[in-house]
Amino acid sequence: MASIELNVQGMSCGACVKHVTQALTPLAGVEAVAVDLATGRVRVTGAAPGAALLAALDAAGYPAQLLAATALTAGNTAGGGSGSSCCCH
């Protein structure tokens, strides 16, 4: 299993976190999505290609850049993010 870290622009509230999570979760190969609103970073665990993640985020109105891709070992996985309702794309 692998992990891809992205820098996502345009997230400003909990609803943005929810929209980013919802844009990535249904993609083939995505097993988990963890969003850090404070840093603007998203970690996606699974086998989804980075290009598919970037395209889904761009389509949702959140331009992103790939920061890193790493292999994960057992016990080192990413969790999910959630948010509340507010302003958004």
PDB file of N, CA and C in Angstrom:
ATOM      1  N   MET A   1       0.855  -1.176   0.000  1.00  0.00           N
ATOM      2  CA  MET A   1       0.000   0.000   0.000  1.00  0.00           C
ATOM      3  C   MET A   1       0.898   1.236   0.000  1.00  0.00           C
ATOM      4  N   ALA A   2       0.413   2.289  -0.639  1.00  0.00           N
ATOM      5  CA  ALA A   2       1.185   3.522  -0.762  1.00  0.00           C
ATOM      6  C   ALA A   2       0.413   4.696  -0.189  1.00  0.00           C
ATOM      7  N   SER A   3       1.130   5.779   0.020  1.00  0.00           N
ATOM      8  CA  SER A   3       0.534   7.015   0.512  1.00  0.00           C
ATOM      9  C   SER A   3       1.017   8.154  -0.374  1.00  0.00           C
ATOM     10  N   ILE A   4       0.087   9.014  -0.761  1.00  0.00           N
ATOM     11  CA  ILE A   4       0.420  10.193  -1.555  1.00  0.00           C
ATOM     12  C   ILE A   4       0.026  11.418  -0.755  1.00  0.00           C
ATOM     13  N   GLU A   5       0.947  12.371  -0.648  1.00  0.00           N
ATOM     14  CA  GLU A   5       0.656  13.617   0.060  1.00  0.00           C
ATOM     15  C   GLU A   5       0.533  14.746  -0.952  1.00  0.00           C
ATOM     16  N   LEU A   6      -0.529  15.539  -0.784  1.00  0.00           N
ATOM     17  CA  LEU A   6      -0.831  16.632  -1.699  1.00  0.00           C
ATOM     18  C   LEU A   6      -0.938  17.942  -0.947  1.00  0.00           C
ATOM     19  N   ASN A   7      -0.565  19.024  -1.597  1.00  0.00           N
ATOM     20  CA  ASN A   7      -0.811  20.363  -1.079  1.00  0.00           C
ATOM     21  C   ASN A   7      -2.032  20.880  -1.830  1.00  0.00           C
ATOM     22  N   VAL A   8      -3.129  21.132  -1.105  1.00  0.00           N
ATOM     23  CA  VAL A   8      -4.394  21.522  -1.725  1.00  0.00           C
ATOM     24  C   VAL A   8      -4.678  22.985  -1.421  1.00  0.00           C
ATOM     25  N   GLN A   9      -4.971  23.751  -2.456  1.00  0.00           N
ATOM     26  CA  GLN A   9      -5.255  25.174  -2.300  1.00  0.00           C
ATOM     27  C   GLN A   9      -6.755  25.414  -2.231  1.00  0.00           C
ATOM     28  N   GLY A  10      -7.139  26.465  -1.526  1.00  0.00           N
ATOM     29  CA  GLY A  10      -8.531  26.881  -1.499  1.00  0.00           C
ATOM     30  C   GLY A  10      -9.368  26.326  -0.368  1.00  0.00           C
ATOM     31  N   MET A  11      -8.789  25.517   0.514  1.00  0.00           N
ATOM     32  CA  MET A  11      -9.556  24.998   1.653  1.00  0.00           C
ATOM     33  C   MET A  11      -9.546  26.042   2.764  1.00  0.00           C
ATOM     34  N   SER A  12     -10.746  26.433   3.221  1.00  0.00           N
ATOM     35  CA  SER A  12     -10.819  27.458   4.257  1.00  0.00           C
ATOM     36  C   SER A  12     -11.731  27.102   5.419  1.00  0.00           C
ATOM     37  N   CYS A  13     -12.418  25.964   5.346  1.00  0.00           N
ATOM     38  CA  CYS A  13     -13.365  25.622   6.409  1.00  0.00           C
ATOM     39  C   CYS A  13     -13.630  24.118   6.418  1.00  0.00           C
ATOM     40  N   GLY A  14     -14.410  23.697   7.381  1.00  0.00           N
ATOM     41  CA  GLY A  14     -14.741  22.288   7.515  1.00  0.00           C
ATOM     42  C   GLY A  14     -15.497  21.732   6.324  1.00  0.00           C
ATOM     43  N   ALA A  15     -16.330  22.549   5.703  1.00  0.00           N
ATOM     44  CA  ALA A  15     -17.069  22.076   4.533  1.00  0.00           C
ATOM     45  C   ALA A  15     -16.122  21.834   3.359  1.00  0.00           C
ATOM     46  N   CYS A  16     -15.063  22.634   3.264  1.00  0.00           N
ATOM     47  CA  CYS A  16     -14.048  22.400   2.237  1.00  0.00           C
ATOM     48  C   CYS A  16     -13.389  21.041   2.459  1.00  0.00           C
ATOM     49  N   VAL A  17     -13.090  20.728   3.702  1.00  0.00           N
ATOM     50  CA  VAL A  17     -12.511  19.427   4.046  1.00  0.00           C
ATOM     51  C   VAL A  17     -13.444  18.318   3.577  1.00  0.00           C
ATOM     52  N   LYS A  18     -14.726  18.489   3.833  1.00  0.00           N
ATOM     53  CA  LYS A  18     -15.719  17.486   3.425  1.00  0.00           C
ATOM     54  C   LYS A  18     -15.746  17.342   1.907  1.00  0.00           C
ATOM     55  N   HIS A  19     -15.727  18.454   1.175  1.00  0.00           N
ATOM     56  CA  HIS A  19     -15.763  18.400  -0.286  1.00  0.00           C
ATOM     57  C   HIS A  19     -14.515  17.733  -0.858  1.00  0.00           C
ATOM     58  N   VAL A  20     -13.361  18.034  -0.298  1.00  0.00           N
ATOM     59  CA  VAL A  20     -12.119  17.404  -0.748  1.00  0.00           C
ATOM     60  C   VAL A  20     -12.178  15.902  -0.490  1.00  0.00           C
ATOM     61  N   THR A  21     -12.625  15.526   0.696  1.00  0.00           N
ATOM     62  CA  THR A  21     -12.742  14.108   1.040  1.00  0.00           C
ATOM     63  C   THR A  21     -13.708  13.406   0.094  1.00  0.00           C
ATOM     64  N   GLN A  22     -14.848  14.035  -0.176  1.00  0.00           N
ATOM     65  CA  GLN A  22     -15.846  13.439  -1.065  1.00  0.00           C
ATOM     66  C   GLN A  22     -15.365  13.363  -2.511  1.00  0.00           C
ATOM     67  N   ALA A  23     -14.490  14.259  -2.923  1.00  0.00           N
ATOM     68  CA  ALA A  23     -13.952  14.218  -4.282  1.00  0.00           C
ATOM     69  C   ALA A  23     -12.976  13.061  -4.464  1.00  0.00           C
ATOM     70  N   LEU A  24     -12.254  12.709  -3.401  1.00  0.00           N
ATOM     71  CA  LEU A  24     -11.212  11.687  -3.504  1.00  0.00           C
ATOM     72  C   LEU A  24     -11.676  10.282  -3.137  1.00  0.00           C
ATOM     73  N   THR A  25     -12.554  10.165  -2.163  1.00  0.00           N
ATOM     74  CA  THR A  25     -12.950   8.858  -1.632  1.00  0.00           C
ATOM     75  C   THR A  25     -13.483   7.890  -2.686  1.00  0.00           C
ATOM     76  N   PRO A  26     -14.320   8.323  -3.646  1.00  0.00           N
ATOM     77  CA  PRO A  26     -14.870   7.356  -4.605  1.00  0.00           C
ATOM     78  C   PRO A  26     -13.892   6.874  -5.678  1.00  0.00           C
ATOM     79  N   LEU A  27     -12.722   7.471  -5.776  1.00  0.00           N
ATOM     80  CA  LEU A  27     -11.781   7.090  -6.828  1.00  0.00           C
ATOM     81  C   LEU A  27     -11.263   5.674  -6.627  1.00  0.00           C
ATOM     82  N   ALA A  28     -11.088   4.972  -7.733  1.00  0.00           N
ATOM     83  CA  ALA A  28     -10.548   3.611  -7.684  1.00  0.00           C
ATOM     84  C   ALA A  28      -9.166   3.633  -7.047  1.00  0.00           C
ATOM     85  N   GLY A  29      -8.943   2.752  -6.103  1.00  0.00           N
ATOM     86  CA  GLY A  29      -7.654   2.636  -5.442  1.00  0.00           C
ATOM     87  C   GLY A  29      -7.503   3.447  -4.177  1.00  0.00           C
ATOM     88  N   VAL A  30      -8.445   4.345  -3.881  1.00  0.00           N
ATOM     89  CA  VAL A  30      -8.366   5.149  -2.657  1.00  0.00           C
ATOM     90  C   VAL A  30      -8.919   4.335  -1.496  1.00  0.00           C
ATOM     91  N   GLU A  31      -8.099   4.153  -0.472  1.00  0.00           N
ATOM     92  CA  GLU A  31      -8.526   3.413   0.713  1.00  0.00           C
ATOM     93  C   GLU A  31      -8.820   4.331   1.887  1.00  0.00           C
ATOM     94  N   ALA A  32      -8.109   5.451   1.993  1.00  0.00           N
ATOM     95  CA  ALA A  32      -8.329   6.398   3.093  1.00  0.00           C
ATOM     96  C   ALA A  32      -7.875   7.783   2.654  1.00  0.00           C
ATOM     97  N   VAL A  33      -8.556   8.798   3.195  1.00  0.00           N
ATOM     98  CA  VAL A  33      -8.213  10.193   2.917  1.00  0.00           C
ATOM     99  C   VAL A  33      -8.118  10.922   4.249  1.00  0.00           C
ATOM    100  N   ALA A  34      -7.001  11.598   4.495  1.00  0.00           N
ATOM    101  CA  ALA A  34      -6.820  12.397   5.710  1.00  0.00           C
ATOM    102  C   ALA A  34      -6.520  13.833   5.294  1.00  0.00           C
ATOM    103  N   VAL A  35      -7.359  14.763   5.740  1.00  0.00           N
ATOM    104  CA  VAL A  35      -7.217  16.168   5.366  1.00  0.00           C
ATOM    105  C   VAL A  35      -6.802  16.982   6.584  1.00  0.00           C
ATOM    106  N   ASP A  36      -5.755  17.791   6.438  1.00  0.00           N
ATOM    107  CA  ASP A  36      -5.306  18.697   7.491  1.00  0.00           C
ATOM    108  C   ASP A  36      -5.586  20.121   7.020  1.00  0.00           C
ATOM    109  N   LEU A  37      -6.681  20.686   7.493  1.00  0.00           N
ATOM    110  CA  LEU A  37      -7.100  22.023   7.071  1.00  0.00           C
ATOM    111  C   LEU A  37      -6.046  23.075   7.414  1.00  0.00           C
ATOM    112  N   ALA A  38      -5.421  22.961   8.569  1.00  0.00           N
ATOM    113  CA  ALA A  38      -4.452  23.961   9.026  1.00  0.00           C
ATOM    114  C   ALA A  38      -3.247  24.079   8.092  1.00  0.00           C
ATOM    115  N   THR A  39      -2.789  22.959   7.554  1.00  0.00           N
ATOM    116  CA  THR A  39      -1.613  22.981   6.679  1.00  0.00           C
ATOM    117  C   THR A  39      -1.976  22.952   5.200  1.00  0.00           C
ATOM    118  N   GLY A  40      -3.226  22.622   4.884  1.00  0.00           N
ATOM    119  CA  GLY A  40      -3.646  22.497   3.496  1.00  0.00           C
ATOM    120  C   GLY A  40      -3.159  21.226   2.838  1.00  0.00           C
ATOM    121  N   ARG A  41      -2.799  20.257   3.652  1.00  0.00           N
ATOM    122  CA  ARG A  41      -2.272  18.999   3.115  1.00  0.00           C
ATOM    123  C   ARG A  41      -3.298  17.881   3.206  1.00  0.00           C
ATOM    124  N   VAL A  42      -3.226  17.001   2.226  1.00  0.00           N
ATOM    125  CA  VAL A  42      -4.105  15.840   2.163  1.00  0.00           C
ATOM    126  C   VAL A  42      -3.236  14.616   1.945  1.00  0.00           C
ATOM    127  N   ARG A  43      -3.484  13.566   2.720  1.00  0.00           N
ATOM    128  CA  ARG A  43      -2.783  12.299   2.541  1.00  0.00           C
ATOM    129  C   ARG A  43      -3.793  11.268   2.070  1.00  0.00           C
ATOM    130  N   VAL A  44      -3.486  10.639   0.947  1.00  0.00           N
ATOM    131  CA  VAL A  44      -4.348   9.609   0.382  1.00  0.00           C
ATOM    132  C   VAL A  44      -3.608   8.285   0.462  1.00  0.00           C
ATOM    133  N   THR A  45      -4.237   7.304   1.082  1.00  0.00           N
ATOM    134  CA  THR A  45      -3.665   5.975   1.212  1.00  0.00           C
ATOM    135  C   THR A  45      -4.354   5.054   0.217  1.00  0.00           C
ATOM    136  N   GLY A  46      -3.568   4.237  -0.468  1.00  0.00           N
ATOM    137  CA  GLY A  46      -4.117   3.286  -1.423  1.00  0.00           C
ATOM    138  C   GLY A  46      -3.261   3.230  -2.668  1.00  0.00           C
ATOM    139  N   ALA A  47      -3.881   2.787  -3.765  1.00  0.00           N
ATOM    140  CA  ALA A  47      -3.146   2.591  -5.015  1.00  0.00           C
ATOM    141  C   ALA A  47      -3.597   3.536  -6.121  1.00  0.00           C
ATOM    142  N   ALA A  48      -4.333   4.577  -5.791  1.00  0.00           N
ATOM    143  CA  ALA A  48      -4.805   5.524  -6.808  1.00  0.00           C
ATOM    144  C   ALA A  48      -3.625   6.311  -7.371  1.00  0.00           C
ATOM    145  N   PRO A  49      -3.588   6.504  -8.684  1.00  0.00           N
ATOM    146  CA  PRO A  49      -2.498   7.290  -9.271  1.00  0.00           C
ATOM    147  C   PRO A  49      -2.617   8.775  -8.929  1.00  0.00           C
ATOM    148  N   GLY A  50      -1.488   9.413  -8.745  1.00  0.00           N
ATOM    149  CA  GLY A  50      -1.468  10.828  -8.399  1.00  0.00           C
ATOM    150  C   GLY A  50      -2.207  11.697  -9.396  1.00  0.00           C
ATOM    151  N   ALA A  51      -2.094  11.378 -10.682  1.00  0.00           N
ATOM    152  CA  ALA A  51      -2.771  12.172 -11.712  1.00  0.00           C
ATOM    153  C   ALA A  51      -4.282  12.139 -11.530  1.00  0.00           C
ATOM    154  N   ALA A  52      -4.830  10.999 -11.140  1.00  0.00           N
ATOM    155  CA  ALA A  52      -6.276  10.885 -10.917  1.00  0.00           C
ATOM    156  C   ALA A  52      -6.701  11.717  -9.715  1.00  0.00           C
ATOM    157  N   LEU A  53      -5.876  11.731  -8.674  1.00  0.00           N
ATOM    158  CA  LEU A  53      -6.179  12.527  -7.485  1.00  0.00           C
ATOM    159  C   LEU A  53      -6.174  14.015  -7.823  1.00  0.00           C
ATOM    160  N   LEU A  54      -5.147  14.448  -8.547  1.00  0.00           N
ATOM    161  CA  LEU A  54      -5.041  15.856  -8.928  1.00  0.00           C
ATOM    162  C   LEU A  54      -6.212  16.278  -9.815  1.00  0.00           C
ATOM    163  N   ALA A  55      -6.607  15.418 -10.745  1.00  0.00           N
ATOM    164  CA  ALA A  55      -7.726  15.733 -11.641  1.00  0.00           C
ATOM    165  C   ALA A  55      -9.035  15.846 -10.872  1.00  0.00           C
ATOM    166  N   ALA A  56      -9.259  14.938  -9.914  1.00  0.00           N
ATOM    167  CA  ALA A  56     -10.496  14.974  -9.124  1.00  0.00           C
ATOM    168  C   ALA A  56     -10.563  16.233  -8.274  1.00  0.00           C
ATOM    169  N   LEU A  57      -9.447  16.611  -7.681  1.00  0.00           N
ATOM    170  CA  LEU A  57      -9.424  17.828  -6.868  1.00  0.00           C
ATOM    171  C   LEU A  57      -9.630  19.068  -7.726  1.00  0.00           C
ATOM    172  N   ASP A  58      -9.002  19.104  -8.886  1.00  0.00           N
ATOM    173  CA  ASP A  58      -9.167  20.243  -9.781  1.00  0.00           C
ATOM    174  C   ASP A  58     -10.626  20.364 -10.230  1.00  0.00           C
ATOM    175  N   ALA A  59     -11.254  19.239 -10.547  1.00  0.00           N
ATOM    176  CA  ALA A  59     -12.664  19.244 -10.958  1.00  0.00           C
ATOM    177  C   ALA A  59     -13.570  19.730  -9.834  1.00  0.00           C
ATOM    178  N   ALA A  60     -13.163  19.493  -8.583  1.00  0.00           N
ATOM    179  CA  ALA A  60     -13.947  19.931  -7.425  1.00  0.00           C
ATOM    180  C   ALA A  60     -13.653  21.387  -7.054  1.00  0.00           C
ATOM    181  N   GLY A  61     -12.709  22.022  -7.758  1.00  0.00           N
ATOM    182  CA  GLY A  61     -12.393  23.422  -7.488  1.00  0.00           C
ATOM    183  C   GLY A  61     -11.269  23.640  -6.499  1.00  0.00           C
ATOM    184  N   TYR A  62     -10.465  22.603  -6.275  1.00  0.00           N
ATOM    185  CA  TYR A  62      -9.355  22.695  -5.327  1.00  0.00           C
ATOM    186  C   TYR A  62      -8.058  22.306  -6.036  1.00  0.00           C
ATOM    187  N   PRO A  63      -7.357  23.259  -6.648  1.00  0.00           N
ATOM    188  CA  PRO A  63      -6.093  22.930  -7.303  1.00  0.00           C
ATOM    189  C   PRO A  63      -5.103  22.362  -6.285  1.00  0.00           C
ATOM    190  N   ALA A  64      -4.308  21.398  -6.728  1.00  0.00           N
ATOM    191  CA  ALA A  64      -3.384  20.736  -5.804  1.00  0.00           C
ATOM    192  C   ALA A  64      -2.068  20.423  -6.497  1.00  0.00           C
ATOM    193  N   GLN A  65      -1.050  20.201  -5.681  1.00  0.00           N
ATOM    194  CA  GLN A  65       0.256  19.771  -6.155  1.00  0.00           C
ATOM    195  C   GLN A  65       0.663  18.528  -5.379  1.00  0.00           C
ATOM    196  N   LEU A  66       1.321  17.617  -6.077  1.00  0.00           N
ATOM    197  CA  LEU A  66       1.840  16.410  -5.451  1.00  0.00           C
ATOM    198  C   LEU A  66       3.079  16.774  -4.641  1.00  0.00           C
ATOM    199  N   LEU A  67       3.096  16.393  -3.357  1.00  0.00           N
ATOM    200  CA  LEU A  67       4.254  16.658  -2.498  1.00  0.00           C
ATOM    201  C   LEU A  67       5.144  15.440  -2.360  1.00  0.00           C
ATOM    202  N   ALA A  68       4.538  14.275  -2.114  1.00  0.00           N
ATOM    203  CA  ALA A  68       5.330  13.070  -1.888  1.00  0.00           C
ATOM    204  C   ALA A  68       4.484  11.831  -2.095  1.00  0.00           C
ATOM    205  N   ALA A  69       5.154  10.757  -2.481  1.00  0.00           N
ATOM    206  CA  ALA A  69       4.519   9.446  -2.574  1.00  0.00           C
ATOM    207  C   ALA A  69       5.435   8.470  -1.848  1.00  0.00           C
ATOM    208  N   THR A  70       4.877   7.725  -0.902  1.00  0.00           N
ATOM    209  CA  THR A  70       5.678   6.793  -0.116  1.00  0.00           C
ATOM    210  C   THR A  70       4.944   5.479   0.065  1.00  0.00           C
ATOM    211  N   ALA A  71       5.699   4.436   0.327  1.00  0.00           N
ATOM    212  CA  ALA A  71       5.119   3.142   0.664  1.00  0.00           C
ATOM    213  C   ALA A  71       4.849   3.126   2.158  1.00  0.00           C
ATOM    214  N   LEU A  72       3.720   2.556   2.558  1.00  0.00           N
ATOM    215  CA  LEU A  72       3.380   2.456   3.977  1.00  0.00           C
ATOM    216  C   LEU A  72       3.612   1.040   4.467  1.00  0.00           C
ATOM    217  N   THR A  73       4.051   0.940   5.708  1.00  0.00           N
ATOM    218  CA  THR A  73       4.199  -0.360   6.340  1.00  0.00           C
ATOM    219  C   THR A  73       3.006  -0.613   7.239  1.00  0.00           C
ATOM    220  N   ALA A  74       2.811  -1.837   7.662  1.00  0.00           N
ATOM    221  CA  ALA A  74       1.690  -2.174   8.546  1.00  0.00           C
ATOM    222  C   ALA A  74       1.737  -1.307   9.788  1.00  0.00           C
ATOM    223  N   GLY A  75       0.587  -0.794  10.196  1.00  0.00           N
ATOM    224  CA  GLY A  75       0.505   0.032  11.392  1.00  0.00           C
ATOM    225  C   GLY A  75       0.754   1.504  11.137  1.00  0.00           C
ATOM    226  N   ASN A  76       1.085   1.878   9.912  1.00  0.00           N
ATOM    227  CA  ASN A  76       1.350   3.275   9.574  1.00  0.00           C
ATOM    228  C   ASN A  76       0.415   3.687   8.446  1.00  0.00           C
ATOM    229  N   THR A  77      -0.860   3.939   8.784  1.00  0.00           N
ATOM    230  CA  THR A  77      -1.851   4.285   7.773  1.00  0.00           C
ATOM    231  C   THR A  77      -2.486   5.618   8.084  1.00  0.00           C
ATOM    232  N   ALA A  78      -3.134   6.201   7.100  1.00  0.00           N
ATOM    233  CA  ALA A  78      -3.793   7.496   7.264  1.00  0.00           C
ATOM    234  C   ALA A  78      -5.246   7.313   7.641  1.00  0.00           C
ATOM    235  N   GLY A  79      -5.795   8.278   8.388  1.00  0.00           N
ATOM    236  CA  GLY A  79      -7.205   8.252   8.762  1.00  0.00           C
ATOM    237  C   GLY A  79      -8.012   9.160   7.871  1.00  0.00           C
ATOM    238  N   GLY A  80      -9.301   9.293   8.161  1.00  0.00           N
ATOM    239  CA  GLY A  80     -10.189  10.118   7.347  1.00  0.00           C
ATOM    240  C   GLY A  80     -10.432  11.464   7.975  1.00  0.00           C
ATOM    241  N   GLY A  81     -10.894  12.398   7.185  1.00  0.00           N
ATOM    242  CA  GLY A  81     -11.232  13.722   7.682  1.00  0.00           C
ATOM    243  C   GLY A  81     -12.717  13.967   7.545  1.00  0.00           C
ATOM    244  N   SER A  82     -13.235  14.896   8.308  1.00  0.00           N
ATOM    245  CA  SER A  82     -14.641  15.264   8.190  1.00  0.00           C
ATOM    246  C   SER A  82     -14.768  16.738   8.492  1.00  0.00           C
ATOM    247  N   GLY A  83     -15.925  17.297   8.229  1.00  0.00           N
ATOM    248  CA  GLY A  83     -16.072  18.718   8.463  1.00  0.00           C
ATOM    249  C   GLY A  83     -17.507  19.119   8.685  1.00  0.00           C
ATOM    250  N   SER A  84     -17.694  20.394   8.978  1.00  0.00           N
ATOM    251  CA  SER A  84     -19.024  20.938   9.191  1.00  0.00           C
ATOM    252  C   SER A  84     -19.407  21.798   8.003  1.00  0.00           C
ATOM    253  N   SER A  85     -20.600  22.303   8.013  1.00  0.00           N
ATOM    254  CA  SER A  85     -21.097  23.097   6.908  1.00  0.00           C
ATOM    255  C   SER A  85     -20.656  24.551   7.044  1.00  0.00           C
ATOM    256  N   CYS A  86     -20.326  25.189   5.904  1.00  0.00           N
ATOM    257  CA  CYS A  86     -19.859  26.574   5.912  1.00  0.00           C
ATOM    258  C   CYS A  86     -19.781  27.062   4.478  1.00  0.00           C
ATOM    259  N   CYS A  87     -18.796  27.889   4.150  1.00  0.00           N
ATOM    260  CA  CYS A  87     -18.597  28.373   2.789  1.00  0.00           C
ATOM    261  C   CYS A  87     -17.933  27.293   1.943  1.00  0.00           C
ATOM    262  N   CYS A  88     -18.092  27.345   0.640  1.00  0.00           N
ATOM    263  CA  CYS A  88     -17.386  26.361  -0.193  1.00  0.00           C
ATOM    264  C   CYS A  88     -17.549  26.562  -1.669  1.00  0.00           C
ATOM    265  N   HIS A  89     -16.919  25.643  -2.381  1.00  0.00           N
ATOM    266  CA  HIS A  89     -16.955  25.603  -3.853  1.00  0.00           C
ATOM    267  C   HIS A  89     -18.209  24.903  -4.289  1.00  0.00           C
TER     268      HIS A  89
END
